[in-house]
Amino acid sequence: MELDGGGGPLQITLPFSLIEPIRDKLDAGIQSDRADTDDRWNEALRQELMQVEIEMDCKLAELEMTVRQLANLKAGDILAIDEPGLVLATVEGIPVLRGKYGKSAKGQAAIAVDKLIVTPPEESEGPVEPNKTLVVKENTP
């Protein structure tokens, strides 16, 4: 794409849910009707989706305090919390796994995965390998 003497690539990304209803029309005339075409398209899409970076959140503690207590906090204050037992990790607010908070063999904060939630929790949950560990990265300023 060129604009006022400058130029560069233009990429447009559409959600699959938008493309899927008209997929047959998009395929018509461009690709053959061979059965392996759909398999290649699905595999290519799957491979690309596996490269998408996500952000996983896991609430380790929750505190209740008054606004006055919050306003009086200062650097160096310590907020006591109970050690979390089972924790729920989410991506975009959707539960993806449940695990136990602890430490990795290297002493890092970690979550030992208990259950991987493949679909929304009300539909189905599936177990994963025991002792599989997800390391929690700590934010550093």
C-alpha atoms as a PDB file:
ATOM      1  CA  MET A   1       0.000   0.000   0.000  1.00  0.00           C
ATOM      2  CA  GLU A   2       1.321   3.462  -0.853  1.00  0.00           C
ATOM      3  CA  LEU A   3       0.199   6.732   0.655  1.00  0.00           C
ATOM      4  CA  ASP A   4       1.789  10.137   0.001  1.00  0.00           C
ATOM      5  CA  GLY A   5       5.108   8.712  -1.139  1.00  0.00           C
ATOM      6  CA  GLY A   6       5.363   6.221   1.751  1.00  0.00           C
ATOM      7  CA  GLY A   7       4.287   2.649   1.694  1.00  0.00           C
ATOM      8  CA  GLY A   8       4.308  -0.684   3.402  1.00  0.00           C
ATOM      9  CA  PRO A   9       2.359  -3.877   3.855  1.00  0.00           C
ATOM     10  CA  LEU A  10      -1.268  -3.769   5.000  1.00  0.00           C
ATOM     11  CA  GLN A  11      -2.550  -6.741   6.953  1.00  0.00           C
ATOM     12  CA  ILE A  12      -6.200  -7.202   7.762  1.00  0.00           C
ATOM     13  CA  THR A  13      -7.159  -9.732  10.426  1.00  0.00           C
ATOM     14  CA  LEU A  14     -10.684 -11.105  10.635  1.00  0.00           C
ATOM     15  CA  PRO A  15     -12.026 -13.490  13.288  1.00  0.00           C
ATOM     16  CA  PHE A  16     -12.703 -17.020  12.055  1.00  0.00           C
ATOM     17  CA  SER A  17     -16.353 -16.694  13.164  1.00  0.00           C
ATOM     18  CA  LEU A  18     -16.743 -13.938  10.568  1.00  0.00           C
ATOM     19  CA  ILE A  19     -15.112 -15.905   7.736  1.00  0.00           C
ATOM     20  CA  GLU A  20     -16.517 -19.381   8.461  1.00  0.00           C
ATOM     21  CA  PRO A  21     -20.099 -18.726   7.226  1.00  0.00           C
ATOM     22  CA  ILE A  22     -18.805 -17.604   3.792  1.00  0.00           C
ATOM     23  CA  ARG A  23     -15.840 -19.985   3.573  1.00  0.00           C
ATOM     24  CA  ASP A  24     -17.400 -22.009   0.730  1.00  0.00           C
ATOM     25  CA  LYS A  25     -17.847 -18.841  -1.339  1.00  0.00           C
ATOM     26  CA  LEU A  26     -14.269 -17.780  -0.661  1.00  0.00           C
ATOM     27  CA  ASP A  27     -12.986 -21.230  -1.688  1.00  0.00           C
ATOM     28  CA  ALA A  28     -15.035 -21.283  -4.917  1.00  0.00           C
ATOM     29  CA  GLY A  29     -12.878 -20.647  -7.966  1.00  0.00           C
ATOM     30  CA  ILE A  30      -9.658 -20.278  -6.007  1.00  0.00           C
ATOM     31  CA  GLN A  31      -9.058 -23.774  -4.714  1.00  0.00           C
ATOM     32  CA  SER A  32     -10.044 -27.138  -6.060  1.00  0.00           C
ATOM     33  CA  ASP A  33     -12.874 -29.104  -4.492  1.00  0.00           C
ATOM     34  CA  ARG A  34     -10.510 -31.880  -3.390  1.00  0.00           C
ATOM     35  CA  ALA A  35     -11.070 -33.100   0.178  1.00  0.00           C
ATOM     36  CA  ASP A  36      -7.427 -32.519   1.176  1.00  0.00           C
ATOM     37  CA  THR A  37      -7.856 -28.771   0.553  1.00  0.00           C
ATOM     38  CA  ASP A  38      -9.966 -28.377   3.691  1.00  0.00           C
ATOM     39  CA  ASP A  39      -7.488 -30.430   5.716  1.00  0.00           C
ATOM     40  CA  ARG A  40      -4.569 -28.257   4.596  1.00  0.00           C
ATOM     41  CA  TRP A  41      -6.516 -25.052   5.286  1.00  0.00           C
ATOM     42  CA  ASN A  42      -7.550 -26.283   8.741  1.00  0.00           C
ATOM     43  CA  GLU A  43      -4.007 -27.389   9.571  1.00  0.00           C
ATOM     44  CA  ALA A  44      -2.507 -24.086   8.414  1.00  0.00           C
ATOM     45  CA  LEU A  45      -5.012 -22.161  10.530  1.00  0.00           C
ATOM     46  CA  ARG A  46      -4.343 -24.416  13.525  1.00  0.00           C
ATOM     47  CA  GLN A  47      -0.585 -23.925  13.195  1.00  0.00           C
ATOM     48  CA  GLU A  48      -0.975 -20.143  13.075  1.00  0.00           C
ATOM     49  CA  LEU A  49      -3.310 -20.122  16.078  1.00  0.00           C
ATOM     50  CA  MET A  50      -0.779 -22.126  18.111  1.00  0.00           C
ATOM     51  CA  GLN A  51       1.698 -19.231  17.677  1.00  0.00           C
ATOM     52  CA  VAL A  52      -0.665 -16.599  19.125  1.00  0.00           C
ATOM     53  CA  GLU A  53       0.642 -15.177  22.404  1.00  0.00           C
ATOM     54  CA  ILE A  54      -1.799 -15.020  25.300  1.00  0.00           C
ATOM     55  CA  GLU A  55      -1.733 -13.531  28.786  1.00  0.00           C
ATOM     56  CA  MET A  56      -2.699 -15.857  31.623  1.00  0.00           C
ATOM     57  CA  ASP A  57      -3.896 -14.414  34.938  1.00  0.00           C
ATOM     58  CA  CYS A  58      -3.975 -16.202  38.251  1.00  0.00           C
ATOM     59  CA  LYS A  59      -5.340 -14.588  41.419  1.00  0.00           C
ATOM     60  CA  LEU A  60      -3.152 -15.676  44.320  1.00  0.00           C
ATOM     61  CA  ALA A  61      -4.656 -13.542  47.078  1.00  0.00           C
ATOM     62  CA  GLU A  62      -7.542 -11.250  47.887  1.00  0.00           C
ATOM     63  CA  LEU A  63      -7.542  -8.710  50.715  1.00  0.00           C
ATOM     64  CA  GLU A  64     -10.235  -6.602  52.292  1.00  0.00           C
ATOM     65  CA  MET A  65      -9.365  -3.225  53.755  1.00  0.00           C
ATOM     66  CA  THR A  66     -10.870   0.177  54.227  1.00  0.00           C
ATOM     67  CA  VAL A  67     -10.105   3.148  52.020  1.00  0.00           C
ATOM     68  CA  ARG A  68      -8.320   4.705  55.029  1.00  0.00           C
ATOM     69  CA  GLN A  69      -6.059   1.651  55.358  1.00  0.00           C
ATOM     70  CA  LEU A  70      -5.304   1.786  51.645  1.00  0.00           C
ATOM     71  CA  ALA A  71      -4.565   5.519  51.774  1.00  0.00           C
ATOM     72  CA  ASN A  72      -2.189   4.988  54.717  1.00  0.00           C
ATOM     73  CA  LEU A  73      -0.080   2.338  52.965  1.00  0.00           C
ATOM     74  CA  LYS A  74       3.524   3.271  52.264  1.00  0.00           C
ATOM     75  CA  ALA A  75       6.565   1.634  50.701  1.00  0.00           C
ATOM     76  CA  GLY A  76       7.877  -1.101  52.972  1.00  0.00           C
ATOM     77  CA  ASP A  77       4.499  -1.993  54.518  1.00  0.00           C
ATOM     78  CA  ILE A  78       3.760  -5.705  54.542  1.00  0.00           C
ATOM     79  CA  LEU A  79       0.312  -7.099  53.790  1.00  0.00           C
ATOM     80  CA  ALA A  80      -0.151 -10.530  55.354  1.00  0.00           C
ATOM     81  CA  ILE A  81      -1.949 -13.066  53.160  1.00  0.00           C
ATOM     82  CA  ASP A  82      -2.848 -16.702  53.543  1.00  0.00           C
ATOM     83  CA  GLU A  83      -0.901 -19.063  51.307  1.00  0.00           C
ATOM     84  CA  PRO A  84      -3.189 -19.915  48.403  1.00  0.00           C
ATOM     85  CA  GLY A  85      -4.249 -23.526  48.053  1.00  0.00           C
ATOM     86  CA  LEU A  86      -5.917 -24.293  44.745  1.00  0.00           C
ATOM     87  CA  VAL A  87      -5.875 -21.401  42.287  1.00  0.00           C
ATOM     88  CA  LEU A  88      -7.706 -20.778  39.018  1.00  0.00           C
ATOM     89  CA  ALA A  89      -5.840 -19.423  35.987  1.00  0.00           C
ATOM     90  CA  THR A  90      -7.759 -17.527  33.329  1.00  0.00           C
ATOM     91  CA  VAL A  91      -7.175 -16.134  29.832  1.00  0.00           C
ATOM     92  CA  GLU A  92      -9.375 -13.142  28.973  1.00  0.00           C
ATOM     93  CA  GLY A  93     -11.525 -14.040  31.998  1.00  0.00           C
ATOM     94  CA  ILE A  94     -12.087 -17.614  30.775  1.00  0.00           C
ATOM     95  CA  PRO A  95     -10.881 -20.393  33.142  1.00  0.00           C
ATOM     96  CA  VAL A  96      -8.171 -22.517  31.511  1.00  0.00           C
ATOM     97  CA  LEU A  97      -6.602 -24.466  34.365  1.00  0.00           C
ATOM     98  CA  ARG A  98      -6.717 -25.187  38.063  1.00  0.00           C
ATOM     99  CA  GLY A  99      -3.632 -25.877  40.124  1.00  0.00           C
ATOM    100  CA  LYS A 100      -1.877 -25.719  43.461  1.00  0.00           C
ATOM    101  CA  TYR A 101       0.378 -22.794  44.291  1.00  0.00           C
ATOM    102  CA  GLY A 102       3.888 -23.695  45.421  1.00  0.00           C
ATOM    103  CA  LYS A 103       7.563 -23.521  44.482  1.00  0.00           C
ATOM    104  CA  SER A 104       9.382 -25.071  41.512  1.00  0.00           C
ATOM    105  CA  ALA A 105      12.542 -27.153  41.942  1.00  0.00           C
ATOM    106  CA  LYS A 106      14.516 -23.958  41.246  1.00  0.00           C
ATOM    107  CA  GLY A 107      12.682 -22.082  44.026  1.00  0.00           C
ATOM    108  CA  GLN A 108      10.486 -19.988  41.721  1.00  0.00           C
ATOM    109  CA  ALA A 109       6.836 -19.321  42.504  1.00  0.00           C
ATOM    110  CA  ALA A 110       4.912 -21.932  40.507  1.00  0.00           C
ATOM    111  CA  ILE A 111       1.550 -23.561  39.895  1.00  0.00           C
ATOM    112  CA  ALA A 112       1.360 -27.362  39.768  1.00  0.00           C
ATOM    113  CA  VAL A 113      -1.433 -28.036  37.257  1.00  0.00           C
ATOM    114  CA  ASP A 114      -4.228 -30.174  38.710  1.00  0.00           C
ATOM    115  CA  LYS A 115      -6.800 -29.875  35.905  1.00  0.00           C
ATOM    116  CA  LEU A 116      -6.722 -28.344  32.449  1.00  0.00           C
ATOM    117  CA  ILE A 117     -10.082 -26.832  31.570  1.00  0.00           C
ATOM    118  CA  VAL A 118     -10.537 -27.535  27.862  1.00  0.00           C
ATOM    119  CA  THR A 119     -14.032 -26.089  27.519  1.00  0.00           C
ATOM    120  CA  PRO A 120     -16.076 -23.847  29.804  1.00  0.00           C
ATOM    121  CA  PRO A 121     -16.168 -25.458  33.271  1.00  0.00           C
ATOM    122  CA  GLU A 122     -19.893 -26.144  33.165  1.00  0.00           C
ATOM    123  CA  GLU A 123     -19.420 -28.369  30.088  1.00  0.00           C
ATOM    124  CA  SER A 124     -16.292 -30.473  30.609  1.00  0.00           C
ATOM    125  CA  GLU A 125     -13.001 -30.656  32.449  1.00  0.00           C
ATOM    126  CA  GLY A 126     -10.096 -32.920  31.587  1.00  0.00           C
ATOM    127  CA  PRO A 127      -7.085 -34.008  33.631  1.00  0.00           C
ATOM    128  CA  VAL A 128      -3.499 -33.334  32.579  1.00  0.00           C
ATOM    129  CA  GLU A 129      -0.274 -35.059  33.478  1.00  0.00           C
ATOM    130  CA  PRO A 130       0.326 -34.954  37.239  1.00  0.00           C
ATOM    131  CA  ASN A 131       3.290 -32.900  38.482  1.00  0.00           C
ATOM    132  CA  LYS A 132       3.259 -30.663  35.401  1.00  0.00           C
ATOM    133  CA  THR A 133       4.449 -27.235  36.555  1.00  0.00           C
ATOM    134  CA  LEU A 134       3.738 -23.785  35.188  1.00  0.00           C
ATOM    135  CA  VAL A 135       6.225 -21.162  36.355  1.00  0.00           C
ATOM    136  CA  VAL A 136       4.721 -17.858  37.410  1.00  0.00           C
ATOM    137  CA  LYS A 137       6.767 -14.897  36.199  1.00  0.00           C
ATOM    138  CA  GLU A 138       7.079 -12.204  38.816  1.00  0.00           C
ATOM    139  CA  ASN A 139       6.680  -8.579  37.721  1.00  0.00           C
ATOM    140  CA  THR A 140       9.779  -6.512  38.335  1.00  0.00           C
ATOM    141  CA  PRO A 141       9.732  -2.726  38.065  1.00  0.00           C
END
